[in-house]
Amino acid sequence: MRFSEYMNEWLYGKNGYYTNYKQIGKEGDFYTSVSTSKFFGGTIAKHIISLIEEGFLEKDAVICEIGAHHGYFLADVVEFIYTLYPELLESLQFVIVERFDALQEQQREYFKQSFGEVVSLTHYKSLSELRCKNAFFIANEIFDAFGCELLYDGKIATVEDGKVEFDTVDESILQKAAKYHKTKGEIAVGYEEFAKEMYGAAAKFEFISFDYGEMQARPDFSIRIYKDHEVFPFFDENIDIKELFKNSDITYDVTFEHVKDAFVEAGCEFVALKAQMTALVEMGILELLEMLRINVDEKIYEQELQKVKMLIMPNLLGERFKMIRIRKS
């Protein structure tokens, strides 16, 4: 099969890596910003409130996370909205787009444990099912989980019995590669369809997503595997791909120019691409920390401060991860 099909099978096929709940963080295969600090979601909550106060979002807007896994990210957003502007919990609508029933159940259970009957949660299997007037969409590390083709020497990869061969020509992939000045590496598949689905889901929205990557395409392969907090280059001859298949995470660096173009072609507006560090500071993470410092003892504050540093320090997650911001007005 083509590599994009192989990667989709790895992550989303029967018993695929993301089809059932996996621990993320210390007990899992990797960390994310969500698993690092509640202030990641808290900062998004502060930003949502600012969008409501400036009039871009209505008080009855849909707040929708895409690919929520456990539901921690959206739950953190809800928790901070309750702290900062509790009246909004009576009017905002909270939605998760999740294709897998087992994960939907996990998310419902977590929301019930966290908020009881105070917050209702609605699920959709895909964005194509959602139709609303006004929305805020969030995602974390979603674009690096789209299937991709691997390109080398004018040919794309196929996989058989865990072995990769560059033996197929696909003119559409070559055209995409030429557009982004790429002769070797990953070409993502599915961004355009995703952007069109989001465009059709809401009459007016803002979308923010965080991912590892750069605006311009990198000139080499970045495809890699995460297992027990170790990183393995996909083409490492010392690893057993068949053993890692569906039992580990597989990912690659995002070319944000490709993401941007997909949304612009769908009719959306590209607002900005910023380092996570810059984005979180501008959206008010330091102000949230100051509020915490005033209201809790020093030990708790120091614990949360260290977690936030992981989110914003350039040598940790602050510079490596980028935030892309898209709008439909």
Protein backbone atom coordinates (compact mmCIF):
# COMPACT_ATOMS: atom_id res chain seq x y z
CA MET A 1 0.00 0.00 0.00
CA ARG A 2 0.98 3.64 -0.40
CA PHE A 3 2.70 5.07 2.66
CA SER A 4 -0.23 7.41 3.43
CA GLU A 5 -2.53 4.37 3.64
CA TYR A 6 0.02 2.52 5.76
CA MET A 7 0.30 5.44 8.20
CA ASN A 8 -3.48 5.79 8.45
CA GLU A 9 -3.73 2.06 9.16
CA TRP A 10 -0.98 2.40 11.80
CA LEU A 11 -2.80 5.19 13.62
CA TYR A 12 -6.50 4.72 12.83
CA GLY A 13 -7.03 1.21 11.42
CA LYS A 14 -8.35 -1.73 13.37
CA ASN A 15 -6.55 -1.69 16.75
CA GLY A 16 -4.57 1.32 15.52
CA TYR A 17 -2.56 3.43 17.91
CA TYR A 18 -5.21 6.16 18.29
CA THR A 19 -8.32 3.99 18.16
CA ASN A 20 -8.31 3.44 21.92
CA TYR A 21 -7.22 5.52 24.89
CA LYS A 22 -3.46 5.82 25.41
CA GLN A 23 -1.68 7.46 28.31
CA ILE A 24 0.07 10.69 27.36
CA GLY A 25 2.76 12.20 29.54
CA LYS A 26 5.05 10.48 32.02
CA GLU A 27 3.28 7.09 31.75
CA GLY A 28 2.89 7.24 27.97
CA ASP A 29 5.08 7.40 24.88
CA PHE A 30 5.44 11.19 24.69
CA TYR A 31 4.51 14.52 26.29
CA THR A 32 2.24 17.18 24.82
CA SER A 33 1.60 20.75 25.89
CA VAL A 34 -1.79 19.63 27.20
CA SER A 35 -0.21 16.99 29.43
CA THR A 36 2.38 19.50 30.66
CA SER A 37 0.19 22.20 32.20
CA LYS A 38 -3.48 23.14 32.65
CA PHE A 39 -2.41 26.70 31.85
CA PHE A 40 -2.13 25.70 28.19
CA GLY A 41 -5.91 25.26 28.04
CA GLY A 42 -6.32 28.13 30.47
CA THR A 43 -4.62 30.52 28.08
CA ILE A 44 -6.93 29.41 25.28
CA ALA A 45 -9.88 30.08 27.60
CA LYS A 46 -8.58 33.60 28.23
CA HIS A 47 -8.27 34.12 24.48
CA ILE A 48 -11.83 32.87 23.87
CA ILE A 49 -13.11 35.35 26.44
CA SER A 50 -11.21 38.16 24.70
CA LEU A 51 -12.80 37.18 21.37
CA ILE A 52 -16.24 37.35 23.00
CA GLU A 53 -15.50 40.72 24.59
CA GLU A 54 -14.33 42.16 21.27
CA GLY A 55 -17.41 40.79 19.47
CA PHE A 56 -15.88 38.21 17.14
CA LEU A 57 -17.44 35.34 19.08
CA GLU A 58 -21.01 35.29 20.38
CA LYS A 59 -21.79 34.22 23.93
CA ASP A 60 -23.56 31.14 22.53
CA ALA A 61 -20.68 30.14 20.23
CA VAL A 62 -19.59 26.55 19.74
CA ILE A 63 -16.23 25.77 21.39
CA CYS A 64 -14.99 22.70 19.55
CA GLU A 65 -11.88 20.58 20.02
CA ILE A 66 -10.81 18.31 17.18
CA GLY A 67 -8.99 15.09 18.09
CA ALA A 68 -9.39 15.50 21.85
CA HIS A 69 -8.07 12.07 22.94
CA HIS A 70 -8.87 12.04 26.69
CA GLY A 71 -10.59 15.45 26.65
CA TYR A 72 -8.11 17.17 28.95
CA PHE A 73 -7.55 20.18 26.67
CA LEU A 74 -11.20 21.17 26.29
CA ALA A 75 -11.85 20.39 29.97
CA ASP A 76 -9.02 22.74 30.97
CA VAL A 77 -10.57 25.42 28.75
CA VAL A 78 -13.94 24.90 30.46
CA GLU A 79 -12.36 25.03 33.93
CA PHE A 80 -10.66 28.36 33.26
CA ILE A 81 -13.76 29.86 31.61
CA TYR A 82 -15.60 28.99 34.84
CA THR A 83 -12.87 30.76 36.84
CA LEU A 84 -12.62 33.85 34.63
CA TYR A 85 -16.16 34.32 33.29
CA PRO A 86 -18.51 31.73 34.86
CA GLU A 87 -21.68 33.07 33.22
CA LEU A 88 -20.42 31.84 29.85
CA LEU A 89 -20.88 28.21 30.90
CA GLU A 90 -24.63 28.81 30.67
CA SER A 91 -24.47 29.87 27.02
CA LEU A 92 -21.40 28.41 25.28
CA GLN A 93 -21.76 25.03 23.58
CA PHE A 94 -18.92 22.53 24.03
CA VAL A 95 -18.22 20.05 21.25
CA ILE A 96 -15.62 17.40 20.47
CA VAL A 97 -15.05 15.96 17.01
CA GLU A 98 -13.94 12.36 17.61
CA ARG A 99 -14.37 9.48 15.20
CA PHE A 100 -13.85 6.61 17.65
CA ASP A 101 -16.67 5.48 19.97
CA ALA A 102 -14.29 4.26 22.68
CA LEU A 103 -12.62 7.67 22.92
CA GLN A 104 -15.99 9.46 22.88
CA GLU A 105 -17.00 7.39 25.89
CA GLN A 106 -13.72 8.21 27.66
CA GLN A 107 -14.25 11.91 27.02
CA ARG A 108 -17.87 11.85 28.26
CA GLU A 109 -16.80 10.06 31.41
CA TYR A 110 -13.99 12.55 32.08
CA PHE A 111 -16.34 15.52 31.61
CA LYS A 112 -18.89 13.90 33.91
CA GLN A 113 -16.24 13.32 36.58
CA SER A 114 -14.97 16.89 36.20
CA PHE A 115 -18.19 18.87 35.87
CA GLY A 116 -21.10 16.57 36.72
CA GLU A 117 -24.22 17.81 34.94
CA VAL A 118 -23.10 21.45 34.84
CA VAL A 119 -21.42 21.18 31.43
CA SER A 120 -22.95 19.26 28.54
CA LEU A 121 -20.71 17.80 25.86
CA THR A 122 -21.76 17.07 22.27
CA HIS A 123 -19.88 14.73 19.96
CA TYR A 124 -19.57 14.58 16.18
CA LYS A 125 -17.67 11.95 14.25
CA SER A 126 -16.44 14.48 11.70
CA LEU A 127 -16.57 18.21 11.01
CA SER A 128 -18.88 17.49 8.07
CA GLU A 129 -21.65 16.68 10.59
CA LEU A 130 -21.40 20.06 12.35
CA ARG A 131 -23.31 23.13 11.20
CA CYS A 132 -23.34 26.27 13.34
CA LYS A 133 -23.33 30.05 13.14
CA ASN A 134 -20.30 30.93 15.24
CA ALA A 135 -17.42 28.75 16.47
CA PHE A 136 -13.97 28.56 17.97
CA PHE A 137 -12.03 25.46 16.88
CA ILE A 138 -8.95 24.21 18.71
CA ALA A 139 -6.58 21.33 18.08
CA ASN A 140 -3.24 20.21 19.44
CA GLU A 141 -0.83 18.17 17.34
CA ILE A 142 -3.39 17.25 14.73
CA PHE A 143 -1.70 18.08 11.42
CA ASP A 144 1.28 15.80 12.10
CA ALA A 145 -1.18 12.91 12.46
CA PHE A 146 -2.53 13.20 8.91
CA GLY A 147 -1.31 10.48 6.59
CA CYS A 148 1.55 11.52 4.33
CA GLU A 149 3.36 10.30 1.25
CA LEU A 150 7.11 9.82 1.37
CA LEU A 151 8.95 11.30 -1.60
CA TYR A 152 12.43 10.49 -2.85
CA ASP A 153 14.05 10.88 -6.26
CA GLY A 154 10.74 11.68 -8.00
CA LYS A 155 8.91 8.66 -6.61
CA ILE A 156 6.67 7.99 -3.64
CA ALA A 157 6.88 5.10 -1.21
CA THR A 158 4.82 1.95 -0.96
CA VAL A 159 5.00 -0.48 1.95
CA GLU A 160 4.80 -4.25 1.91
CA ASP A 161 5.44 -6.44 4.93
CA GLY A 162 7.01 -3.49 6.76
CA LYS A 163 9.47 -2.73 3.96
CA VAL A 164 9.47 0.60 2.13
CA GLU A 165 10.17 0.93 -1.57
CA PHE A 166 10.21 4.16 -3.60
CA ASP A 167 8.60 2.79 -6.72
CA THR A 168 5.49 4.79 -7.63
CA VAL A 169 5.00 8.01 -9.60
CA ASP A 170 2.10 10.30 -8.67
CA GLU A 171 1.96 13.54 -10.64
CA SER A 172 -0.33 15.27 -8.11
CA ILE A 173 2.15 14.59 -5.30
CA LEU A 174 5.05 15.76 -7.48
CA GLN A 175 3.18 18.99 -8.22
CA LYS A 176 2.58 19.53 -4.51
CA ALA A 177 6.24 18.81 -3.78
CA ALA A 178 7.35 21.29 -6.45
CA LYS A 179 5.05 23.96 -4.97
CA TYR A 180 6.81 23.67 -1.62
CA HIS A 181 10.30 23.20 -3.15
CA LYS A 182 10.56 19.71 -1.75
CA THR A 183 12.50 16.92 -3.42
CA LYS A 184 12.72 14.59 -0.44
CA GLY A 185 10.56 14.02 2.62
CA GLU A 186 6.88 14.01 3.58
CA ILE A 187 3.93 15.39 1.62
CA ALA A 188 0.82 15.51 3.80
CA VAL A 189 -2.47 14.15 2.45
CA GLY A 190 -5.87 15.44 3.54
CA TYR A 191 -5.29 19.05 4.58
CA GLU A 192 -7.43 20.38 1.73
CA GLU A 193 -10.44 18.22 2.56
CA PHE A 194 -10.14 19.07 6.26
CA ALA A 195 -10.05 22.81 5.51
CA LYS A 196 -13.15 22.55 3.30
CA GLU A 197 -15.02 20.66 6.03
CA MET A 198 -14.19 23.32 8.60
CA TYR A 199 -15.17 26.09 6.19
CA GLY A 200 -18.58 24.46 5.81
CA ALA A 201 -19.04 23.74 9.53
CA ALA A 202 -19.47 27.35 10.71
CA ALA A 203 -20.55 30.61 9.14
CA LYS A 204 -17.90 32.46 11.18
CA PHE A 205 -15.03 30.98 13.16
CA GLU A 206 -11.51 31.19 14.47
CA PHE A 207 -9.29 28.12 14.43
CA ILE A 208 -6.10 27.74 16.45
CA SER A 209 -3.85 24.70 16.26
CA PHE A 210 -0.45 23.87 17.71
CA ASP A 211 2.03 21.56 16.01
CA TYR A 212 5.72 20.81 15.59
CA GLY A 213 7.04 22.26 12.32
CA GLU A 214 7.99 25.35 10.34
CA MET A 215 6.37 27.55 7.70
CA GLN A 216 8.71 26.28 4.99
CA ALA A 217 9.19 22.59 4.20
CA ARG A 218 12.30 20.98 5.63
CA PRO A 219 14.56 19.42 2.96
CA ASP A 220 14.80 15.91 4.40
CA PHE A 221 12.79 13.15 6.06
CA SER A 222 11.41 13.93 9.51
CA ILE A 223 9.16 10.85 9.81
CA ARG A 224 9.77 9.30 13.22
CA ILE A 225 8.34 6.98 15.86
CA TYR A 226 7.73 7.68 19.56
CA LYS A 227 7.80 4.78 22.00
CA ASP A 228 8.31 5.02 25.78
CA HIS A 229 9.70 8.56 25.41
CA GLU A 230 12.33 7.43 22.91
CA VAL A 231 12.44 8.79 19.38
CA PHE A 232 13.31 6.49 16.48
CA PRO A 233 13.91 7.77 12.93
CA PHE A 234 11.62 5.73 10.69
CA PHE A 235 14.51 4.64 8.48
CA ASP A 236 16.70 3.51 11.40
CA GLU A 237 17.97 0.06 10.41
CA ASN A 238 18.14 -1.01 14.06
CA ILE A 239 14.39 -0.88 14.70
CA ASP A 240 11.74 -3.45 13.87
CA ILE A 241 8.99 -1.56 12.06
CA LYS A 242 6.60 -4.51 12.14
CA GLU A 243 6.93 -4.72 15.93
CA LEU A 244 6.29 -0.98 16.36
CA PHE A 245 3.36 -0.94 13.90
CA LYS A 246 0.20 0.21 15.77
CA ASN A 247 2.07 -0.02 19.11
CA SER A 248 3.72 3.40 18.93
CA ASP A 249 3.10 6.90 17.62
CA ILE A 250 4.31 7.86 14.16
CA THR A 251 4.60 11.49 13.15
CA TYR A 252 6.48 14.08 11.06
CA ASP A 253 7.20 17.81 10.93
CA VAL A 254 4.33 19.96 9.65
CA THR A 255 4.85 22.26 6.68
CA PHE A 256 2.64 25.13 7.81
CA GLU A 257 2.70 26.77 4.38
CA HIS A 258 0.76 23.72 3.15
CA VAL A 259 -1.76 24.08 6.03
CA LYS A 260 -2.12 27.80 5.33
CA ASP A 261 -2.66 27.29 1.59
CA ALA A 262 -5.28 24.59 2.20
CA PHE A 263 -7.36 26.94 4.33
CA VAL A 264 -6.89 29.96 2.06
CA GLU A 265 -7.96 27.86 -0.95
CA ALA A 266 -11.05 26.82 1.03
CA GLY A 267 -11.97 30.49 1.49
CA CYS A 268 -10.53 31.20 4.94
CA GLU A 269 -8.15 33.94 6.10
CA PHE A 270 -4.66 33.15 7.37
CA VAL A 271 -4.06 35.33 10.44
CA ALA A 272 -0.68 34.30 11.85
CA LEU A 273 1.92 31.66 12.50
CA LYS A 274 3.83 32.15 15.75
CA ALA A 275 6.09 30.21 18.06
CA GLN A 276 4.07 28.68 20.89
CA MET A 277 6.06 30.78 23.35
CA THR A 278 5.06 34.04 21.65
CA ALA A 279 1.45 32.96 21.12
CA LEU A 280 0.85 31.93 24.74
CA VAL A 281 2.46 35.08 26.15
CA GLU A 282 0.41 37.29 23.84
CA MET A 283 -2.79 35.46 24.82
CA GLY A 284 -2.11 36.07 28.50
CA ILE A 285 -0.46 33.07 30.12
CA LEU A 286 1.72 35.31 32.31
CA GLU A 287 -1.34 37.23 33.54
CA LEU A 288 -2.93 33.91 34.52
CA LEU A 289 0.20 32.97 36.44
CA GLU A 290 0.11 36.29 38.28
CA MET A 291 -3.50 35.63 39.27
CA LEU A 292 -2.41 32.25 40.62
CA ARG A 293 0.50 33.77 42.55
CA ILE A 294 -1.86 36.14 44.35
CA ASN A 295 -4.34 33.43 45.32
CA VAL A 296 -2.29 30.35 46.33
CA ASP A 297 0.67 29.57 48.54
CA GLU A 298 4.18 29.85 47.16
CA LYS A 299 4.78 26.10 46.82
CA ILE A 300 1.77 25.57 44.51
CA TYR A 301 2.72 28.64 42.50
CA GLU A 302 6.29 27.39 42.00
CA GLN A 303 5.02 23.99 40.86
CA GLU A 304 2.76 25.56 38.24
CA LEU A 305 5.45 28.04 37.21
CA GLN A 306 7.85 25.21 36.38
CA LYS A 307 5.21 23.52 34.25
CA VAL A 308 4.48 26.75 32.39
CA LYS A 309 8.19 27.23 31.75
CA MET A 310 8.13 23.96 29.81
CA LEU A 311 5.43 25.45 27.58
CA ILE A 312 7.22 28.71 26.82
CA MET A 313 10.97 28.22 27.19
CA PRO A 314 12.66 28.30 23.77
CA ASN A 315 14.79 25.23 24.50
CA LEU A 316 11.72 23.17 25.51
CA LEU A 317 8.27 23.44 23.85
CA GLY A 318 8.19 27.20 23.41
CA GLU A 319 10.06 27.51 20.12
CA ARG A 320 9.77 24.00 18.68
CA PHE A 321 5.97 24.17 18.54
CA LYS A 322 4.10 26.69 16.42
CA MET A 323 0.57 28.08 16.59
CA ILE A 324 -1.33 28.66 13.36
CA ARG A 325 -4.37 30.93 13.50
CA ILE A 326 -7.09 30.86 10.83
CA ARG A 327 -10.36 32.79 10.52
CA LYS A 328 -13.56 32.83 8.52
CA SER A 329 -15.34 36.15 8.96
